[in-house]
Amino acid sequence: MRCGTIPAEQIPGGIDLGATLESGQSYLWRRRQGEMYASDSPPDGVWYETVIDGAYLRVRQRNGGLEWASTADSEDRLRVLLRLDDDLHRIKADSPGHPLVERAWQAYWGMRLVQDPVFPCLISFICSTQMRVPRIQAMQRRLAATFGEPVEIDGECHHGFPDPETLATVPESRLRELSLGYRAPYVKATAEQVADRLDPAAAADLPYEAAREYLTQFTGVGPKVADCVLLFSLGFTQAVPLDTWIKRAIAAEYPDCDRGDYGATSAAIRERFGSRYAGYVQTYAFHYLRHHRPDI
C-alpha cells in the first residue's frame, strides 16, 4: 500500500469530505467504519474506500487535509476524483446571494463536486429514478459485489464497479434479483451500447446542450440523468439536474423559473444560480434541502 497526505493549504477553500461523498453525487464510495448516510456530518477520521480502475483507494479527512492509502500512487487520481483544485472561494463569489444558497454554503462549506468515471456514474443515475440516496448506494454496491473485479487487501475482498462488457452479458432476470426492478433492462441495454463502442465520455467534447442530448441516446437516460452524468463525471459545472428536491425548491423559492418543461426551466435556474457554476450551487442546495428543509 502506498500512502500520502494532501495538506489543507493545497486545497483552495478546504474540503468537507463527508458532505462530498455522502451528498448523492457518487455511489462508488463507502464508509469503512459504518453505513453511509448514518449521520449528516461524519467526524474527521472516517475512512472512505473504493476500487477504481483496478486500484483500491481509501481516504480520510484529518486536520483540514486528506490522508490516503492505495494499491497505486493515487494522489493525482484523488485530486481529479474530488476536484481538489477547484477554488471554492471563487466559485462562491460567482454564485447568487439568495438566502437559501447562502445557508447551504454556510452549512456545508468545503463540499466539492465529484468527478467519477463515466460508466459507473451513468449506470448509477439510471438506477436513481424514483429511489432514495441510500437505496441507490446499496444497489450499486450489490452490482459491484456480484459482477465487479475483486481486489484483496489485508485479507478483505473489495470490488470495483463492473465494466460494460461484463454487465452486457448479465441476464435481465439476474439484475432484477439484485433489486433493480424496472431499471434492469435499462442497465443491460446501456451496458450493451457502451460495450458496442457508443462512448458516453464523447459528450465531454460537445457544447453543453449538445452533450445532454448526446447522452439521451443511452437507454433509460432522460435529461435529468444526462445532467447528473455531465455534472458528476464530465466536468460540466453549469449542469443543473432537476430532481425532486430542486423542483420543490423552484416552486417554493424561485417560482418564476418554472417554465413548464425541463429544458426551459433548467436554463432559467442555471441563470439564477450563476451560469458557470450553477451545478455547484444546485449540489449545495440539494444537500441542504434534504437535511434542513423536509417541509419543501
Protein backbone atom coordinates (compact mmCIF):
# COMPACT_ATOMS: atom_id res chain seq x y z
CA MET A 1 0.00 0.00 0.00
CA ARG A 2 1.20 3.48 -0.86
CA CYS A 3 0.27 6.35 1.44
CA GLY A 4 0.21 10.11 1.21
CA THR A 5 -1.15 13.36 2.60
CA ILE A 6 -2.65 16.36 0.85
CA PRO A 7 -2.36 19.25 3.33
CA ALA A 8 -5.17 21.74 3.84
CA GLU A 9 -3.21 24.60 2.28
CA GLN A 10 -3.16 22.71 -1.04
CA ILE A 11 -6.97 22.53 -1.19
CA PRO A 12 -8.31 26.00 -2.11
CA GLY A 13 -11.34 26.65 0.06
CA GLY A 14 -10.86 23.45 2.05
CA ILE A 15 -12.86 20.25 1.94
CA ASP A 16 -15.77 18.61 3.71
CA LEU A 17 -15.10 15.01 2.72
CA GLY A 18 -18.22 13.61 4.38
CA ALA A 19 -20.54 16.03 2.60
CA THR A 20 -18.75 15.48 -0.71
CA LEU A 21 -19.11 11.69 -0.64
CA GLU A 22 -22.50 11.48 1.11
CA SER A 23 -24.46 14.11 -0.80
CA GLY A 24 -25.87 11.88 -3.52
CA GLN A 25 -23.26 12.73 -6.14
CA SER A 26 -21.30 9.47 -6.13
CA TYR A 27 -22.22 5.88 -5.34
CA LEU A 28 -18.73 4.41 -5.72
CA TRP A 29 -17.52 5.10 -2.16
CA ARG A 30 -18.44 3.59 1.17
CA ARG A 31 -17.57 4.34 4.77
CA ARG A 32 -15.11 1.83 6.09
CA GLN A 33 -16.30 2.25 9.71
CA GLY A 34 -20.04 2.10 9.24
CA GLU A 35 -23.00 2.65 6.99
CA MET A 36 -23.12 5.56 4.59
CA TYR A 37 -25.69 8.27 5.34
CA ALA A 38 -25.87 7.31 9.03
CA SER A 39 -25.31 10.95 10.03
CA ASP A 40 -25.41 14.36 8.43
CA SER A 41 -21.86 15.36 9.41
CA PRO A 42 -19.40 12.45 9.76
CA PRO A 43 -16.47 13.35 12.06
CA ASP A 44 -12.87 13.73 10.96
CA GLY A 45 -11.03 10.45 10.68
CA VAL A 46 -13.76 8.44 8.95
CA TRP A 47 -12.23 6.37 6.17
CA TYR A 48 -13.96 6.16 2.80
CA GLU A 49 -12.91 3.48 0.33
CA THR A 50 -13.43 2.50 -3.29
CA VAL A 51 -11.92 0.50 -6.13
CA ILE A 52 -11.40 2.42 -9.37
CA ASP A 53 -9.58 1.10 -12.45
CA GLY A 54 -8.41 -1.90 -10.50
CA ALA A 55 -6.81 0.11 -7.69
CA TYR A 56 -8.05 0.08 -4.11
CA LEU A 57 -8.13 3.58 -2.61
CA ARG A 58 -9.15 4.91 0.79
CA VAL A 59 -9.12 8.46 2.08
CA ARG A 60 -9.98 10.33 5.26
CA GLN A 61 -10.04 13.94 6.40
CA ARG A 62 -7.58 14.92 9.12
CA ASN A 63 -6.70 18.44 10.34
CA GLY A 64 -8.36 20.03 7.32
CA GLY A 65 -6.38 17.98 4.81
CA LEU A 66 -6.62 14.48 3.41
CA GLU A 67 -4.75 11.28 4.16
CA TRP A 68 -4.91 8.46 1.63
CA ALA A 69 -3.70 4.90 1.12
CA SER A 70 -3.87 2.92 -2.10
CA THR A 71 -2.51 -0.01 -4.05
CA ALA A 72 -1.31 2.58 -6.60
CA ASP A 73 0.16 6.08 -6.48
CA SER A 74 -3.21 7.81 -6.21
CA GLU A 75 -2.65 11.44 -5.24
CA ASP A 76 -3.24 12.74 -8.76
CA ARG A 77 -6.25 10.45 -9.15
CA LEU A 78 -7.69 11.70 -5.85
CA ARG A 79 -7.27 15.31 -6.93
CA VAL A 80 -9.36 14.55 -10.01
CA LEU A 81 -11.99 12.41 -8.29
CA LEU A 82 -12.64 15.05 -5.60
CA ARG A 83 -11.89 18.12 -7.77
CA LEU A 84 -9.42 19.35 -5.18
CA ASP A 85 -8.11 22.10 -7.44
CA ASP A 86 -11.47 23.87 -7.63
CA ASP A 87 -11.25 27.22 -5.83
CA LEU A 88 -14.37 27.27 -3.66
CA HIS A 89 -13.94 30.94 -2.72
CA ARG A 90 -14.02 31.94 -6.39
CA ILE A 91 -16.95 29.64 -7.10
CA LYS A 92 -18.96 31.04 -4.19
CA ALA A 93 -18.19 34.60 -5.29
CA ASP A 94 -19.70 33.67 -8.66
CA SER A 95 -22.91 32.34 -7.13
CA PRO A 96 -26.06 34.32 -6.22
CA GLY A 97 -26.68 35.74 -2.76
CA HIS A 98 -30.13 34.24 -2.27
CA PRO A 99 -30.77 33.26 1.40
CA LEU A 100 -31.30 29.57 0.59
CA VAL A 101 -27.99 29.41 -1.25
CA GLU A 102 -26.16 31.30 1.48
CA ARG A 103 -27.47 28.92 4.13
CA ALA A 104 -26.36 25.94 2.06
CA TRP A 105 -22.84 27.35 1.60
CA GLN A 106 -22.58 28.01 5.33
CA ALA A 107 -23.87 24.58 6.36
CA TYR A 108 -21.65 22.54 4.04
CA TRP A 109 -18.69 24.73 3.21
CA GLY A 110 -15.95 22.56 1.74
CA MET A 111 -18.26 20.21 -0.13
CA ARG A 112 -16.92 19.62 -3.62
CA LEU A 113 -18.27 18.18 -6.81
CA VAL A 114 -17.02 14.70 -7.62
CA GLN A 115 -15.67 13.57 -10.97
CA ASP A 116 -16.49 9.88 -11.17
CA PRO A 117 -15.56 7.55 -14.06
CA VAL A 118 -18.28 7.93 -16.63
CA PHE A 119 -19.70 4.40 -16.99
CA PRO A 120 -20.30 3.78 -13.27
CA CYS A 121 -21.77 7.28 -13.00
CA LEU A 122 -24.09 6.62 -15.94
CA ILE A 123 -25.36 3.33 -14.52
CA SER A 124 -25.74 4.78 -11.01
CA PHE A 125 -28.02 7.55 -12.18
CA ILE A 126 -30.03 5.27 -14.47
CA CYS A 127 -30.72 3.35 -11.26
CA SER A 128 -31.55 6.52 -9.31
CA THR A 129 -35.02 7.06 -10.76
CA GLN A 130 -37.65 7.09 -8.00
CA MET A 131 -35.06 5.95 -5.45
CA ARG A 132 -33.73 7.44 -2.24
CA VAL A 133 -29.99 8.02 -1.94
CA PRO A 134 -29.22 5.14 0.50
CA ARG A 135 -31.06 2.65 -1.72
CA ILE A 136 -29.18 3.81 -4.80
CA GLN A 137 -25.93 3.30 -2.89
CA ALA A 138 -26.96 -0.22 -1.82
CA MET A 139 -27.92 -1.12 -5.38
CA GLN A 140 -24.54 -0.07 -6.76
CA ARG A 141 -22.74 -1.98 -4.00
CA ARG A 142 -24.66 -5.13 -4.96
CA LEU A 143 -23.74 -4.70 -8.62
CA ALA A 144 -20.07 -4.31 -7.69
CA ALA A 145 -20.00 -7.20 -5.23
CA THR A 146 -21.72 -9.54 -7.70
CA PHE A 147 -20.07 -8.63 -11.01
CA GLY A 148 -17.05 -6.41 -10.25
CA GLU A 149 -13.42 -7.49 -10.31
CA PRO A 150 -12.18 -8.34 -6.79
CA VAL A 151 -9.17 -6.71 -5.14
CA GLU A 152 -7.90 -8.33 -1.93
CA ILE A 153 -6.33 -6.08 0.71
CA ASP A 154 -5.21 -7.34 4.14
CA GLY A 155 -7.47 -10.36 3.86
CA GLU A 156 -10.51 -8.31 2.82
CA CYS A 157 -12.09 -8.52 -0.63
CA HIS A 158 -13.16 -5.29 -2.32
CA HIS A 159 -14.83 -4.95 -5.71
CA GLY A 160 -14.69 -2.34 -8.41
CA PHE A 161 -17.72 -1.41 -10.46
CA PRO A 162 -18.33 -3.93 -13.27
CA ASP A 163 -17.24 -2.94 -16.76
CA PRO A 164 -19.77 -2.58 -19.59
CA GLU A 165 -18.67 -5.80 -21.29
CA THR A 166 -19.45 -7.75 -18.12
CA LEU A 167 -22.82 -6.10 -17.44
CA ALA A 168 -23.83 -6.54 -21.08
CA THR A 169 -23.71 -10.33 -20.65
CA VAL A 170 -25.77 -10.44 -17.43
CA PRO A 171 -29.35 -11.68 -17.94
CA GLU A 172 -32.03 -9.13 -17.14
CA SER A 173 -33.54 -11.58 -14.68
CA ARG A 174 -30.29 -11.66 -12.71
CA LEU A 175 -30.27 -7.86 -12.48
CA ARG A 176 -33.83 -7.93 -11.21
CA GLU A 177 -32.72 -10.33 -8.48
CA LEU A 178 -30.43 -7.52 -7.26
CA SER A 179 -33.50 -5.27 -6.79
CA LEU A 180 -33.01 -3.19 -9.93
CA GLY A 181 -36.66 -3.73 -10.82
CA TYR A 182 -37.81 -1.93 -13.97
CA ARG A 183 -34.34 -0.37 -14.25
CA ALA A 184 -32.80 -3.78 -15.09
CA PRO A 185 -33.46 -3.66 -18.86
CA TYR A 186 -32.18 -0.07 -18.99
CA VAL A 187 -28.92 -1.06 -17.29
CA LYS A 188 -28.43 -4.06 -19.54
CA ALA A 189 -29.24 -2.17 -22.74
CA THR A 190 -26.95 0.75 -21.82
CA ALA A 191 -24.13 -1.66 -20.97
CA GLU A 192 -24.62 -3.28 -24.38
CA GLN A 193 -24.49 0.13 -26.08
CA VAL A 194 -21.24 1.06 -24.33
CA ALA A 195 -19.75 -2.40 -24.97
CA ASP A 196 -20.60 -1.84 -28.64
CA ARG A 197 -18.49 1.34 -28.55
CA LEU A 198 -21.09 4.07 -28.04
CA ASP A 199 -18.91 6.11 -25.70
CA PRO A 200 -20.61 8.29 -23.05
CA ALA A 201 -17.31 10.13 -22.50
CA ALA A 202 -17.60 11.58 -26.02
CA ALA A 203 -20.16 14.02 -24.59
CA ALA A 204 -17.29 15.85 -22.87
CA ASP A 205 -16.16 17.26 -26.22
CA LEU A 206 -19.53 18.79 -27.08
CA PRO A 207 -21.20 22.07 -26.09
CA TYR A 208 -23.43 21.69 -23.05
CA GLU A 209 -26.85 21.38 -24.69
CA ALA A 210 -25.49 19.02 -27.36
CA ALA A 211 -23.75 16.95 -24.68
CA ARG A 212 -27.02 16.50 -22.78
CA GLU A 213 -28.79 15.47 -25.97
CA TYR A 214 -25.97 13.03 -26.84
CA LEU A 215 -26.33 11.20 -23.52
CA THR A 216 -30.04 10.66 -24.04
CA GLN A 217 -29.08 8.08 -26.70
CA PHE A 218 -28.47 5.65 -23.85
CA THR A 219 -31.42 3.54 -22.77
CA GLY A 220 -33.11 4.90 -19.66
CA VAL A 221 -31.39 8.29 -19.88
CA GLY A 222 -33.55 11.39 -19.94
CA PRO A 223 -32.40 14.98 -19.48
CA LYS A 224 -32.16 14.75 -15.67
CA VAL A 225 -29.94 11.63 -15.71
CA ALA A 226 -27.89 13.18 -18.51
CA ASP A 227 -27.37 16.33 -16.44
CA CYS A 228 -26.21 14.21 -13.48
CA VAL A 229 -23.59 12.50 -15.65
CA LEU A 230 -22.46 15.80 -17.12
CA LEU A 231 -22.13 17.35 -13.66
CA PHE A 232 -20.68 14.47 -11.63
CA SER A 233 -18.43 12.90 -14.24
CA LEU A 234 -17.74 15.03 -17.30
CA GLY A 235 -16.94 18.43 -15.79
CA PHE A 236 -19.99 20.45 -16.89
CA THR A 237 -20.24 22.61 -13.77
CA GLN A 238 -23.13 24.53 -15.32
CA ALA A 239 -25.43 21.47 -15.43
CA VAL A 240 -28.40 21.57 -13.04
CA PRO A 241 -30.21 18.23 -12.70
CA LEU A 242 -33.87 18.95 -11.98
CA ASP A 243 -34.55 16.28 -9.38
CA THR A 244 -37.50 16.25 -6.99
CA TRP A 245 -35.76 18.42 -4.37
CA ILE A 246 -34.71 21.10 -6.83
CA LYS A 247 -38.17 21.16 -8.39
CA ARG A 248 -39.63 21.72 -4.92
CA ALA A 249 -37.10 24.48 -4.28
CA ILE A 250 -38.06 26.14 -7.55
CA ALA A 251 -41.74 26.03 -6.58
CA ALA A 252 -41.06 27.45 -3.11
CA GLU A 253 -38.16 29.84 -3.72
CA TYR A 254 -37.88 30.55 -7.46
CA PRO A 255 -41.38 30.15 -8.94
CA ASP A 256 -40.57 32.50 -11.81
CA CYS A 257 -38.03 29.93 -13.06
CA ASP A 258 -40.70 27.30 -13.68
CA ARG A 259 -41.18 27.44 -17.44
CA GLY A 260 -43.25 24.27 -17.82
CA ASP A 261 -40.70 21.98 -19.44
CA TYR A 262 -37.31 20.60 -18.45
CA GLY A 263 -35.12 22.49 -20.92
CA ALA A 264 -36.57 25.94 -20.34
CA THR A 265 -36.80 25.52 -16.56
CA SER A 266 -33.22 24.20 -16.43
CA ALA A 267 -31.99 27.20 -18.42
CA ALA A 268 -33.83 29.61 -16.11
CA ILE A 269 -32.50 28.08 -12.90
CA ARG A 270 -28.98 27.91 -14.36
CA GLU A 271 -29.13 31.63 -14.96
CA ARG A 272 -30.49 32.24 -11.44
CA PHE A 273 -27.74 30.10 -9.87
CA GLY A 274 -24.94 31.80 -11.86
CA SER A 275 -24.49 30.02 -15.13
CA ARG A 276 -20.82 28.97 -14.94
CA TYR A 277 -21.04 27.12 -11.59
CA ALA A 278 -24.78 26.56 -11.36
CA GLY A 279 -24.19 22.84 -10.78
CA TYR A 280 -22.15 23.60 -7.67
CA VAL A 281 -24.96 25.76 -6.32
CA GLN A 282 -27.51 23.06 -7.14
CA THR A 283 -25.47 20.43 -5.29
CA TYR A 284 -25.20 22.59 -2.17
CA ALA A 285 -28.92 23.40 -2.34
CA PHE A 286 -29.86 19.73 -2.86
CA HIS A 287 -27.83 18.57 0.14
CA TYR A 288 -29.12 21.39 2.33
CA LEU A 289 -32.76 20.82 1.42
CA ARG A 290 -32.57 17.07 2.12
CA HIS A 291 -31.34 17.67 5.67
CA HIS A 292 -32.78 21.04 6.66
CA ARG A 293 -35.99 21.63 4.70
CA PRO A 294 -38.11 18.46 4.77
CA ASP A 295 -41.14 20.73 4.55
CA ILE A 296 -40.35 21.64 0.94
